[in-house]
Amino acid sequence: MNSRTYVTVTGTVFAIVAVLHLIRVVNGWSVEVGPWSVPIGVSWFGTVFPAVLCVWAFRSASRTRA
């Protein structure tokens, strides 16, 4: 696997994670990890941070030689 393919796959995974967090925020789904109820703010961070990494990965892939 060359670096361009790796970065494209990584960007796609980050995009999926960002979209799933956004869906959680929009639908108001609750998430519990053991006794802890995860606040919606965590999903806002989980939307923005992976989205930035996704954009960064796709920009990097467009500049990388095959």
PDB file of N, CA and C in Angstrom:
ATOM      1  N   MET A   1       0.857  -1.163   0.000  1.00  0.00           N
ATOM      2  CA  MET A   1       0.000   0.000   0.000  1.00  0.00           C
ATOM      3  C   MET A   1       0.910   1.235   0.000  1.00  0.00           C
ATOM      4  N   ASN A   2       0.665   2.132  -0.946  1.00  0.00           N
ATOM      5  CA  ASN A   2       1.480   3.338  -0.979  1.00  0.00           C
ATOM      6  C   ASN A   2       0.927   4.390  -0.017  1.00  0.00           C
ATOM      7  N   SER A   3       1.670   5.466   0.170  1.00  0.00           N
ATOM      8  CA  SER A   3       1.289   6.465   1.165  1.00  0.00           C
ATOM      9  C   SER A   3       0.001   7.200   0.788  1.00  0.00           C
ATOM     10  N   ARG A   4      -0.233   7.391  -0.495  1.00  0.00           N
ATOM     11  CA  ARG A   4      -1.454   8.086  -0.916  1.00  0.00           C
ATOM     12  C   ARG A   4      -2.700   7.269  -0.556  1.00  0.00           C
ATOM     13  N   THR A   5      -2.641   5.966  -0.774  1.00  0.00           N
ATOM     14  CA  THR A   5      -3.761   5.093  -0.421  1.00  0.00           C
ATOM     15  C   THR A   5      -3.977   5.091   1.087  1.00  0.00           C
ATOM     16  N   TYR A   6      -2.893   5.016   1.835  1.00  0.00           N
ATOM     17  CA  TYR A   6      -2.982   5.011   3.303  1.00  0.00           C
ATOM     18  C   TYR A   6      -3.645   6.291   3.808  1.00  0.00           C
ATOM     19  N   VAL A   7      -3.211   7.434   3.303  1.00  0.00           N
ATOM     20  CA  VAL A   7      -3.765   8.709   3.756  1.00  0.00           C
ATOM     21  C   VAL A   7      -5.233   8.841   3.344  1.00  0.00           C
ATOM     22  N   THR A   8      -5.593   8.339   2.177  1.00  0.00           N
ATOM     23  CA  THR A   8      -6.989   8.386   1.735  1.00  0.00           C
ATOM     24  C   THR A   8      -7.879   7.511   2.617  1.00  0.00           C
ATOM     25  N   VAL A   9      -7.414   6.315   2.946  1.00  0.00           N
ATOM     26  CA  VAL A   9      -8.180   5.428   3.826  1.00  0.00           C
ATOM     27  C   VAL A   9      -8.315   6.053   5.213  1.00  0.00           C
ATOM     28  N   THR A  10      -7.236   6.631   5.719  1.00  0.00           N
ATOM     29  CA  THR A  10      -7.273   7.281   7.025  1.00  0.00           C
ATOM     30  C   THR A  10      -8.262   8.442   7.026  1.00  0.00           C
ATOM     31  N   GLY A  11      -8.243   9.257   5.978  1.00  0.00           N
ATOM     32  CA  GLY A  11      -9.190  10.364   5.873  1.00  0.00           C
ATOM     33  C   GLY A  11     -10.628   9.889   5.830  1.00  0.00           C
ATOM     34  N   THR A  12     -10.863   8.775   5.163  1.00  0.00           N
ATOM     35  CA  THR A  12     -12.210   8.209   5.097  1.00  0.00           C
ATOM     36  C   THR A  12     -12.673   7.732   6.476  1.00  0.00           C
ATOM     37  N   VAL A  13     -11.786   7.100   7.212  1.00  0.00           N
ATOM     38  CA  VAL A  13     -12.136   6.643   8.569  1.00  0.00           C
ATOM     39  C   VAL A  13     -12.466   7.842   9.459  1.00  0.00           C
ATOM     40  N   PHE A  14     -11.654   8.898   9.382  1.00  0.00           N
ATOM     41  CA  PHE A  14     -11.940  10.097  10.168  1.00  0.00           C
ATOM     42  C   PHE A  14     -13.269  10.720   9.757  1.00  0.00           C
ATOM     43  N   ALA A  15     -13.593  10.695   8.481  1.00  0.00           N
ATOM     44  CA  ALA A  15     -14.876  11.233   8.016  1.00  0.00           C
ATOM     45  C   ALA A  15     -16.043  10.439   8.598  1.00  0.00           C
ATOM     46  N   ILE A  16     -15.922   9.130   8.619  1.00  0.00           N
ATOM     47  CA  ILE A  16     -16.985   8.279   9.176  1.00  0.00           C
ATOM     48  C   ILE A  16     -17.168   8.567  10.665  1.00  0.00           C
ATOM     49  N   VAL A  17     -16.073   8.685  11.393  1.00  0.00           N
ATOM     50  CA  VAL A  17     -16.153   8.981  12.827  1.00  0.00           C
ATOM     51  C   VAL A  17     -16.829  10.332  13.056  1.00  0.00           C
ATOM     52  N   ALA A  18     -16.443  11.344  12.278  1.00  0.00           N
ATOM     53  CA  ALA A  18     -17.037  12.670  12.431  1.00  0.00           C
ATOM     54  C   ALA A  18     -18.536  12.648  12.137  1.00  0.00           C
ATOM     55  N   VAL A  19     -18.926  11.948  11.092  1.00  0.00           N
ATOM     56  CA  VAL A  19     -20.352  11.874  10.736  1.00  0.00           C
ATOM     57  C   VAL A  19     -21.145  11.141  11.814  1.00  0.00           C
ATOM     58  N   LEU A  20     -20.606  10.059  12.355  1.00  0.00           N
ATOM     59  CA  LEU A  20     -21.313   9.331  13.413  1.00  0.00           C
ATOM     60  C   LEU A  20     -21.486  10.185  14.660  1.00  0.00           C
ATOM     61  N   HIS A  21     -20.469  10.948  15.029  1.00  0.00           N
ATOM     62  CA  HIS A  21     -20.610  11.848  16.175  1.00  0.00           C
ATOM     63  C   HIS A  21     -21.642  12.929  15.897  1.00  0.00           C
ATOM     64  N   LEU A  22     -21.643  13.453  14.674  1.00  0.00           N
ATOM     65  CA  LEU A  22     -22.629  14.471  14.316  1.00  0.00           C
ATOM     66  C   LEU A  22     -24.049  13.908  14.376  1.00  0.00           C
ATOM     67  N   ILE A  23     -24.224  12.676  13.923  1.00  0.00           N
ATOM     68  CA  ILE A  23     -25.538  12.035  14.001  1.00  0.00           C
ATOM     69  C   ILE A  23     -25.979  11.894  15.459  1.00  0.00           C
ATOM     70  N   ARG A  24     -25.024  11.542  16.336  1.00  0.00           N
ATOM     71  CA  ARG A  24     -25.358  11.443  17.766  1.00  0.00           C
ATOM     72  C   ARG A  24     -25.818  12.784  18.309  1.00  0.00           C
ATOM     73  N   VAL A  25     -25.128  13.861  17.930  1.00  0.00           N
ATOM     74  CA  VAL A  25     -25.500  15.189  18.415  1.00  0.00           C
ATOM     75  C   VAL A  25     -26.883  15.580  17.908  1.00  0.00           C
ATOM     76  N   VAL A  26     -27.133  15.379  16.627  1.00  0.00           N
ATOM     77  CA  VAL A  26     -28.409  15.777  16.027  1.00  0.00           C
ATOM     78  C   VAL A  26     -29.574  14.986  16.615  1.00  0.00           C
ATOM     79  N   ASN A  27     -29.379  13.683  16.809  1.00  0.00           N
ATOM     80  CA  ASN A  27     -30.460  12.842  17.323  1.00  0.00           C
ATOM     81  C   ASN A  27     -30.555  12.835  18.847  1.00  0.00           C
ATOM     82  N   GLY A  28     -29.548  13.376  19.517  1.00  0.00           N
ATOM     83  CA  GLY A  28     -29.576  13.424  20.981  1.00  0.00           C
ATOM     84  C   GLY A  28     -29.418  12.068  21.639  1.00  0.00           C
ATOM     85  N   TRP A  29     -28.746  11.159  20.986  1.00  0.00           N
ATOM     86  CA  TRP A  29     -28.548   9.828  21.552  1.00  0.00           C
ATOM     87  C   TRP A  29     -27.700   9.899  22.813  1.00  0.00           C
ATOM     88  N   SER A  30     -28.057   9.098  23.787  1.00  0.00           N
ATOM     89  CA  SER A  30     -27.252   9.037  25.006  1.00  0.00           C
ATOM     90  C   SER A  30     -26.257   7.886  24.887  1.00  0.00           C
ATOM     91  N   VAL A  31     -25.101   8.101  25.493  1.00  0.00           N
ATOM     92  CA  VAL A  31     -24.059   7.078  25.509  1.00  0.00           C
ATOM     93  C   VAL A  31     -23.597   6.937  26.947  1.00  0.00           C
ATOM     94  N   GLU A  32     -23.505   5.713  27.395  1.00  0.00           N
ATOM     95  CA  GLU A  32     -23.024   5.453  28.747  1.00  0.00           C
ATOM     96  C   GLU A  32     -21.869   4.476  28.686  1.00  0.00           C
ATOM     97  N   VAL A  33     -20.807   4.826  29.397  1.00  0.00           N
ATOM     98  CA  VAL A  33     -19.639   3.966  29.511  1.00  0.00           C
ATOM     99  C   VAL A  33     -19.534   3.592  30.976  1.00  0.00           C
ATOM    100  N   GLY A  34     -19.956   2.376  31.264  1.00  0.00           N
ATOM    101  CA  GLY A  34     -20.024   1.963  32.668  1.00  0.00           C
ATOM    102  C   GLY A  34     -21.038   2.849  33.390  1.00  0.00           C
ATOM    103  N   PRO A  35     -20.646   3.429  34.509  1.00  0.00           N
ATOM    104  CA  PRO A  35     -21.579   4.290  35.251  1.00  0.00           C
ATOM    105  C   PRO A  35     -21.590   5.734  34.743  1.00  0.00           C
ATOM    106  N   TRP A  36     -20.728   6.068  33.791  1.00  0.00           N
ATOM    107  CA  TRP A  36     -20.570   7.447  33.337  1.00  0.00           C
ATOM    108  C   TRP A  36     -21.416   7.711  32.102  1.00  0.00           C
ATOM    109  N   SER A  37     -22.221   8.755  32.156  1.00  0.00           N
ATOM    110  CA  SER A  37     -23.007   9.189  31.002  1.00  0.00           C
ATOM    111  C   SER A  37     -22.178  10.220  30.233  1.00  0.00           C
ATOM    112  N   VAL A  38     -21.882   9.918  28.975  1.00  0.00           N
ATOM    113  CA  VAL A  38     -21.012  10.773  28.167  1.00  0.00           C
ATOM    114  C   VAL A  38     -21.793  12.013  27.728  1.00  0.00           C
ATOM    115  N   PRO A  39     -21.284  13.218  28.049  1.00  0.00           N
ATOM    116  CA  PRO A  39     -21.996  14.438  27.656  1.00  0.00           C
ATOM    117  C   PRO A  39     -21.950  14.672  26.144  1.00  0.00           C
ATOM    118  N   ILE A  40     -22.919  15.421  25.650  1.00  0.00           N
ATOM    119  CA  ILE A  40     -22.993  15.730  24.218  1.00  0.00           C
ATOM    120  C   ILE A  40     -21.769  16.532  23.771  1.00  0.00           C
ATOM    121  N   GLY A  41     -21.194  17.332  24.662  1.00  0.00           N
ATOM    122  CA  GLY A  41     -20.010  18.123  24.324  1.00  0.00           C
ATOM    123  C   GLY A  41     -18.855  17.270  23.830  1.00  0.00           C
ATOM    124  N   VAL A  42     -18.767  16.048  24.329  1.00  0.00           N
ATOM    125  CA  VAL A  42     -17.727  15.130  23.870  1.00  0.00           C
ATOM    126  C   VAL A  42     -17.938  14.809  22.393  1.00  0.00           C
ATOM    127  N   SER A  43     -19.180  14.676  21.985  1.00  0.00           N
ATOM    128  CA  SER A  43     -19.455  14.390  20.579  1.00  0.00           C
ATOM    129  C   SER A  43     -19.238  15.619  19.700  1.00  0.00           C
ATOM    130  N   TRP A  44     -19.410  16.817  20.249  1.00  0.00           N
ATOM    131  CA  TRP A  44     -19.057  18.009  19.464  1.00  0.00           C
ATOM    132  C   TRP A  44     -17.570  17.995  19.178  1.00  0.00           C
ATOM    133  N   PHE A  45     -16.766  17.700  20.197  1.00  0.00           N
ATOM    134  CA  PHE A  45     -15.329  17.561  19.988  1.00  0.00           C
ATOM    135  C   PHE A  45     -15.052  16.406  19.033  1.00  0.00           C
ATOM    136  N   GLY A  46     -15.800  15.305  19.191  1.00  0.00           N
ATOM    137  CA  GLY A  46     -15.646  14.137  18.339  1.00  0.00           C
ATOM    138  C   GLY A  46     -16.118  14.367  16.916  1.00  0.00           C
ATOM    139  N   THR A  47     -16.803  15.463  16.673  1.00  0.00           N
ATOM    140  CA  THR A  47     -17.185  15.832  15.315  1.00  0.00           C
ATOM    141  C   THR A  47     -16.134  16.740  14.693  1.00  0.00           C
ATOM    142  N   VAL A  48     -15.741  17.752  15.431  1.00  0.00           N
ATOM    143  CA  VAL A  48     -14.833  18.768  14.888  1.00  0.00           C
ATOM    144  C   VAL A  48     -13.422  18.224  14.692  1.00  0.00           C
ATOM    145  N   PHE A  49     -12.859  17.574  15.696  1.00  0.00           N
ATOM    146  CA  PHE A  49     -11.473  17.107  15.615  1.00  0.00           C
ATOM    147  C   PHE A  49     -11.256  16.093  14.488  1.00  0.00           C
ATOM    148  N   PRO A  50     -12.073  15.045  14.372  1.00  0.00           N
ATOM    149  CA  PRO A  50     -11.879  14.130  13.239  1.00  0.00           C
ATOM    150  C   PRO A  50     -12.167  14.784  11.885  1.00  0.00           C
ATOM    151  N   ALA A  51     -13.077  15.754  11.848  1.00  0.00           N
ATOM    152  CA  ALA A  51     -13.348  16.445  10.578  1.00  0.00           C
ATOM    153  C   ALA A  51     -12.114  17.222  10.127  1.00  0.00           C
ATOM    154  N   VAL A  52     -11.434  17.869  11.070  1.00  0.00           N
ATOM    155  CA  VAL A  52     -10.202  18.580  10.735  1.00  0.00           C
ATOM    156  C   VAL A  52      -9.144  17.597  10.256  1.00  0.00           C
ATOM    157  N   LEU A  53      -9.013  16.467  10.937  1.00  0.00           N
ATOM    158  CA  LEU A  53      -8.041  15.457  10.515  1.00  0.00           C
ATOM    159  C   LEU A  53      -8.394  14.879   9.146  1.00  0.00           C
ATOM    160  N   CYS A  54      -9.678  14.741   8.866  1.00  0.00           N
ATOM    161  CA  CYS A  54     -10.134  14.250   7.563  1.00  0.00           C
ATOM    162  C   CYS A  54      -9.723  15.211   6.457  1.00  0.00           C
ATOM    163  N   VAL A  55      -9.982  16.496   6.655  1.00  0.00           N
ATOM    164  CA  VAL A  55      -9.604  17.494   5.653  1.00  0.00           C
ATOM    165  C   VAL A  55      -8.095  17.497   5.471  1.00  0.00           C
ATOM    166  N   TRP A  56      -7.366  17.431   6.553  1.00  0.00           N
ATOM    167  CA  TRP A  56      -5.907  17.413   6.497  1.00  0.00           C
ATOM    168  C   TRP A  56      -5.418  16.190   5.706  1.00  0.00           C
ATOM    169  N   ALA A  57      -6.022  15.026   5.950  1.00  0.00           N
ATOM    170  CA  ALA A  57      -5.623  13.801   5.250  1.00  0.00           C
ATOM    171  C   ALA A  57      -5.899  13.901   3.754  1.00  0.00           C
ATOM    172  N   PHE A  58      -7.069  14.393   3.377  1.00  0.00           N
ATOM    173  CA  PHE A  58      -7.392  14.487   1.952  1.00  0.00           C
ATOM    174  C   PHE A  58      -6.539  15.536   1.244  1.00  0.00           C
ATOM    175  N   ARG A  59      -6.210  16.609   1.942  1.00  0.00           N
ATOM    176  CA  ARG A  59      -5.310  17.614   1.341  1.00  0.00           C
ATOM    177  C   ARG A  59      -3.919  17.007   1.165  1.00  0.00           C
ATOM    178  N   SER A  60      -3.496  16.241   2.157  1.00  0.00           N
ATOM    179  CA  SER A  60      -2.192  15.592   2.068  1.00  0.00           C
ATOM    180  C   SER A  60      -2.168  14.557   0.939  1.00  0.00           C
ATOM    181  N   ALA A  61      -3.256  13.837   0.774  1.00  0.00           N
ATOM    182  CA  ALA A  61      -3.342  12.834  -0.288  1.00  0.00           C
ATOM    183  C   ALA A  61      -3.298  13.481  -1.668  1.00  0.00           C
ATOM    184  N   SER A  62      -3.877  14.655  -1.779  1.00  0.00           N
ATOM    185  CA  SER A  62      -3.879  15.310  -3.089  1.00  0.00           C
ATOM    186  C   SER A  62      -2.489  15.846  -3.443  1.00  0.00           C
ATOM    187  N   ARG A  63      -1.642  16.061  -2.443  1.00  0.00           N
ATOM    188  CA  ARG A  63      -0.285  16.540  -2.695  1.00  0.00           C
ATOM    189  C   ARG A  63       0.747  15.435  -2.776  1.00  0.00           C
ATOM    190  N   THR A  64       0.363  14.227  -2.374  1.00  0.00           N
ATOM    191  CA  THR A  64       1.290  13.105  -2.341  1.00  0.00           C
ATOM    192  C   THR A  64       1.352  12.419  -3.701  1.00  0.00           C
ATOM    193  N   ARG A  65       2.549  12.061  -4.100  1.00  0.00           N
ATOM    194  CA  ARG A  65       2.694  11.310  -5.349  1.00  0.00           C
ATOM    195  C   ARG A  65       2.321   9.862  -5.125  1.00  0.00           C
ATOM    196  N   ALA A  66       1.816   9.238  -6.144  1.00  0.00           N
ATOM    197  CA  ALA A  66       1.379   7.828  -6.047  1.00  0.00           C
ATOM    198  C   ALA A  66       2.533   6.886  -5.933  1.00  0.00           C
TER     199      ALA A  66
END
